[in-house]
Amino acid sequence: MLAGGSVRDFLMPRAFAPGVPQKRSFPFPTWERLGRQMLKEYGT
């Protein structure tokens, strides 16, 4: 996709760039809690 021009490879992260997540808004505590719950219920 990168070679075909569908996705751009930015040298510096830019605000509102497609495909670049906003890491500060990601719910890491919730993600960790759900991951632990899944490991507890289903194992590794």
PDB file of N, CA and C in Angstrom:
ATOM      1  N   MET A   1       0.817  -1.188   0.000  1.00  0.00           N
ATOM      2  CA  MET A   1       0.000   0.000   0.000  1.00  0.00           C
ATOM      3  C   MET A   1       0.865   1.260   0.000  1.00  0.00           C
ATOM      4  N   LEU A   2       1.969   1.218   0.742  1.00  0.00           N
ATOM      5  CA  LEU A   2       2.843   2.378   0.801  1.00  0.00           C
ATOM      6  C   LEU A   2       3.431   2.682  -0.570  1.00  0.00           C
ATOM      7  N   ALA A   3       3.866   1.654  -1.271  1.00  0.00           N
ATOM      8  CA  ALA A   3       4.450   1.845  -2.595  1.00  0.00           C
ATOM      9  C   ALA A   3       3.409   2.312  -3.606  1.00  0.00           C
ATOM     10  N   GLY A   4       2.163   1.902  -3.427  1.00  0.00           N
ATOM     11  CA  GLY A   4       1.108   2.267  -4.359  1.00  0.00           C
ATOM     12  C   GLY A   4       0.521   3.646  -4.130  1.00  0.00           C
ATOM     13  N   GLY A   5       0.923   4.315  -3.048  1.00  0.00           N
ATOM     14  CA  GLY A   5       0.441   5.663  -2.794  1.00  0.00           C
ATOM     15  C   GLY A   5      -0.824   5.745  -1.972  1.00  0.00           C
ATOM     16  N   SER A   6      -1.320   4.610  -1.470  1.00  0.00           N
ATOM     17  CA  SER A   6      -2.535   4.648  -0.672  1.00  0.00           C
ATOM     18  C   SER A   6      -2.275   5.141   0.753  1.00  0.00           C
ATOM     19  N   VAL A   7      -1.084   4.912   1.255  1.00  0.00           N
ATOM     20  CA  VAL A   7      -0.717   5.320   2.604  1.00  0.00           C
ATOM     21  C   VAL A   7       0.544   6.152   2.514  1.00  0.00           C
ATOM     22  N   ARG A   8       0.561   7.277   3.206  1.00  0.00           N
ATOM     23  CA  ARG A   8       1.751   8.114   3.203  1.00  0.00           C
ATOM     24  C   ARG A   8       2.608   7.808   4.418  1.00  0.00           C
ATOM     25  N   ASP A   9       3.897   7.823   4.237  1.00  0.00           N
ATOM     26  CA  ASP A   9       4.845   7.604   5.326  1.00  0.00           C
ATOM     27  C   ASP A   9       5.387   8.971   5.745  1.00  0.00           C
ATOM     28  N   PHE A  10       4.855   9.512   6.837  1.00  0.00           N
ATOM     29  CA  PHE A  10       5.271  10.822   7.301  1.00  0.00           C
ATOM     30  C   PHE A  10       6.549  10.704   8.121  1.00  0.00           C
ATOM     31  N   LEU A  11       7.501  11.570   7.868  1.00  0.00           N
ATOM     32  CA  LEU A  11       8.739  11.579   8.647  1.00  0.00           C
ATOM     33  C   LEU A  11       8.478  12.083  10.052  1.00  0.00           C
ATOM     34  N   MET A  12       7.626  13.063  10.195  1.00  0.00           N
ATOM     35  CA  MET A  12       7.268  13.616  11.494  1.00  0.00           C
ATOM     36  C   MET A  12       5.767  13.402  11.690  1.00  0.00           C
ATOM     37  N   PRO A  13       5.332  12.958  12.891  1.00  0.00           N
ATOM     38  CA  PRO A  13       3.896  12.798  13.120  1.00  0.00           C
ATOM     39  C   PRO A  13       3.178  14.139  12.981  1.00  0.00           C
ATOM     40  N   ARG A  14       2.016  14.112  12.351  1.00  0.00           N
ATOM     41  CA  ARG A  14       1.243  15.330  12.164  1.00  0.00           C
ATOM     42  C   ARG A  14      -0.150  15.146  12.746  1.00  0.00           C
ATOM     43  N   ALA A  15      -0.702  16.211  13.251  1.00  0.00           N
ATOM     44  CA  ALA A  15      -2.063  16.160  13.786  1.00  0.00           C
ATOM     45  C   ALA A  15      -3.054  15.846  12.674  1.00  0.00           C
ATOM     46  N   PHE A  16      -4.030  15.041  12.977  1.00  0.00           N
ATOM     47  CA  PHE A  16      -5.112  14.667  12.071  1.00  0.00           C
ATOM     48  C   PHE A  16      -4.637  13.910  10.840  1.00  0.00           C
ATOM     49  N   ALA A  17      -3.482  13.273  10.915  1.00  0.00           N
ATOM     50  CA  ALA A  17      -3.000  12.462   9.800  1.00  0.00           C
ATOM     51  C   ALA A  17      -3.743  11.128   9.817  1.00  0.00           C
ATOM     52  N   PRO A  18      -4.234  10.660   8.677  1.00  0.00           N
ATOM     53  CA  PRO A  18      -4.946   9.384   8.645  1.00  0.00           C
ATOM     54  C   PRO A  18      -4.047   8.231   9.063  1.00  0.00           C
ATOM     55  N   GLY A  19      -4.592   7.340   9.876  1.00  0.00           N
ATOM     56  CA  GLY A  19      -3.855   6.165  10.303  1.00  0.00           C
ATOM     57  C   GLY A  19      -2.912   6.405  11.461  1.00  0.00           C
ATOM     58  N   VAL A  20      -2.926   7.606  12.033  1.00  0.00           N
ATOM     59  CA  VAL A  20      -2.059   7.915  13.177  1.00  0.00           C
ATOM     60  C   VAL A  20      -2.958   8.077  14.397  1.00  0.00           C
ATOM     61  N   PRO A  21      -2.912   7.129  15.339  1.00  0.00           N
ATOM     62  CA  PRO A  21      -3.808   7.205  16.495  1.00  0.00           C
ATOM     63  C   PRO A  21      -3.373   8.282  17.486  1.00  0.00           C
ATOM     64  N   GLN A  22      -4.329   8.792  18.231  1.00  0.00           N
ATOM     65  CA  GLN A  22      -4.061   9.732  19.297  1.00  0.00           C
ATOM     66  C   GLN A  22      -3.816   8.912  20.564  1.00  0.00           C
ATOM     67  N   LYS A  23      -2.555   8.732  20.930  1.00  0.00           N
ATOM     68  CA  LYS A  23      -2.193   7.846  22.040  1.00  0.00           C
ATOM     69  C   LYS A  23      -2.640   8.376  23.391  1.00  0.00           C
ATOM     70  N   ARG A  24      -2.695   9.677  23.553  1.00  0.00           N
ATOM     71  CA  ARG A  24      -3.092  10.235  24.854  1.00  0.00           C
ATOM     72  C   ARG A  24      -4.543   9.935  25.176  1.00  0.00           C
ATOM     73  N   SER A  25      -5.372   9.697  24.175  1.00  0.00           N
ATOM     74  CA  SER A  25      -6.790   9.437  24.399  1.00  0.00           C
ATOM     75  C   SER A  25      -7.106   7.953  24.539  1.00  0.00           C
ATOM     76  N   PHE A  26      -6.136   7.099  24.287  1.00  0.00           N
ATOM     77  CA  PHE A  26      -6.392   5.656  24.328  1.00  0.00           C
ATOM     78  C   PHE A  26      -6.619   5.209  25.771  1.00  0.00           C
ATOM     79  N   PRO A  27      -7.650   4.417  26.025  1.00  0.00           N
ATOM     80  CA  PRO A  27      -7.963   3.980  27.396  1.00  0.00           C
ATOM     81  C   PRO A  27      -7.080   2.809  27.861  1.00  0.00           C
ATOM     82  N   PHE A  28      -5.798   3.082  28.114  1.00  0.00           N
ATOM     83  CA  PHE A  28      -4.873   2.024  28.520  1.00  0.00           C
ATOM     84  C   PHE A  28      -5.326   1.272  29.773  1.00  0.00           C
ATOM     85  N   PRO A  29      -5.809   1.939  30.835  1.00  0.00           N
ATOM     86  CA  PRO A  29      -6.266   1.177  32.011  1.00  0.00           C
ATOM     87  C   PRO A  29      -7.403   0.220  31.685  1.00  0.00           C
ATOM     88  N   THR A  30      -8.349   0.637  30.869  1.00  0.00           N
ATOM     89  CA  THR A  30      -9.460  -0.240  30.486  1.00  0.00           C
ATOM     90  C   THR A  30      -8.957  -1.404  29.650  1.00  0.00           C
ATOM     91  N   TRP A  31      -8.060  -1.124  28.701  1.00  0.00           N
ATOM     92  CA  TRP A  31      -7.491  -2.162  27.846  1.00  0.00           C
ATOM     93  C   TRP A  31      -6.745  -3.200  28.693  1.00  0.00           C
ATOM     94  N   GLU A  32      -5.978  -2.727  29.673  1.00  0.00           N
ATOM     95  CA  GLU A  32      -5.236  -3.636  30.542  1.00  0.00           C
ATOM     96  C   GLU A  32      -6.192  -4.488  31.376  1.00  0.00           C
ATOM     97  N   ARG A  33      -7.236  -3.870  31.929  1.00  0.00           N
ATOM     98  CA  ARG A  33      -8.204  -4.607  32.737  1.00  0.00           C
ATOM     99  C   ARG A  33      -8.890  -5.685  31.906  1.00  0.00           C
ATOM    100  N   LEU A  34      -9.292  -5.353  30.690  1.00  0.00           N
ATOM    101  CA  LEU A  34      -9.946  -6.344  29.830  1.00  0.00           C
ATOM    102  C   LEU A  34      -8.987  -7.465  29.436  1.00  0.00           C
ATOM    103  N   GLY A  35      -7.737  -7.124  29.190  1.00  0.00           N
ATOM    104  CA  GLY A  35      -6.739  -8.147  28.866  1.00  0.00           C
ATOM    105  C   GLY A  35      -6.518  -9.110  30.014  1.00  0.00           C
ATOM    106  N   ARG A  36      -6.438  -8.560  31.214  1.00  0.00           N
ATOM    107  CA  ARG A  36      -6.275  -9.430  32.391  1.00  0.00           C
ATOM    108  C   ARG A  36      -7.491 -10.321  32.601  1.00  0.00           C
ATOM    109  N   GLN A  37      -8.665  -9.759  32.374  1.00  0.00           N
ATOM    110  CA  GLN A  37      -9.891 -10.537  32.510  1.00  0.00           C
ATOM    111  C   GLN A  37      -9.908 -11.700  31.507  1.00  0.00           C
ATOM    112  N   MET A  38      -9.515 -11.436  30.283  1.00  0.00           N
ATOM    113  CA  MET A  38      -9.493 -12.497  29.276  1.00  0.00           C
ATOM    114  C   MET A  38      -8.474 -13.581  29.628  1.00  0.00           C
ATOM    115  N   LEU A  39      -7.294 -13.181  30.104  1.00  0.00           N
ATOM    116  CA  LEU A  39      -6.301 -14.179  30.489  1.00  0.00           C
ATOM    117  C   LEU A  39      -6.780 -15.013  31.670  1.00  0.00           C
ATOM    118  N   LYS A  40      -7.465 -14.373  32.595  1.00  0.00           N
ATOM    119  CA  LYS A  40      -7.994 -15.097  33.756  1.00  0.00           C
ATOM    120  C   LYS A  40      -9.051 -16.119  33.335  1.00  0.00           C
ATOM    121  N   GLU A  41      -9.922 -15.730  32.411  1.00  0.00           N
ATOM    122  CA  GLU A  41     -11.018 -16.599  31.983  1.00  0.00           C
ATOM    123  C   GLU A  41     -10.567 -17.687  31.017  1.00  0.00           C
ATOM    124  N   TYR A  42      -9.673 -17.351  30.072  1.00  0.00           N
ATOM    125  CA  TYR A  42      -9.333 -18.277  28.999  1.00  0.00           C
ATOM    126  C   TYR A  42      -7.897 -18.788  29.033  1.00  0.00           C
ATOM    127  N   GLY A  43      -7.044 -18.193  29.869  1.00  0.00           N
ATOM    128  CA  GLY A  43      -5.649 -18.610  29.922  1.00  0.00           C
ATOM    129  C   GLY A  43      -4.862 -18.011  28.773  1.00  0.00           C
ATOM    130  N   THR A  44      -3.629 -18.434  28.663  1.00  0.00           N
ATOM    131  CA  THR A  44      -2.754 -17.838  27.641  1.00  0.00           C
ATOM    132  C   THR A  44      -3.016 -18.424  26.275  1.00  0.00           C
TER     133      THR A  44
END
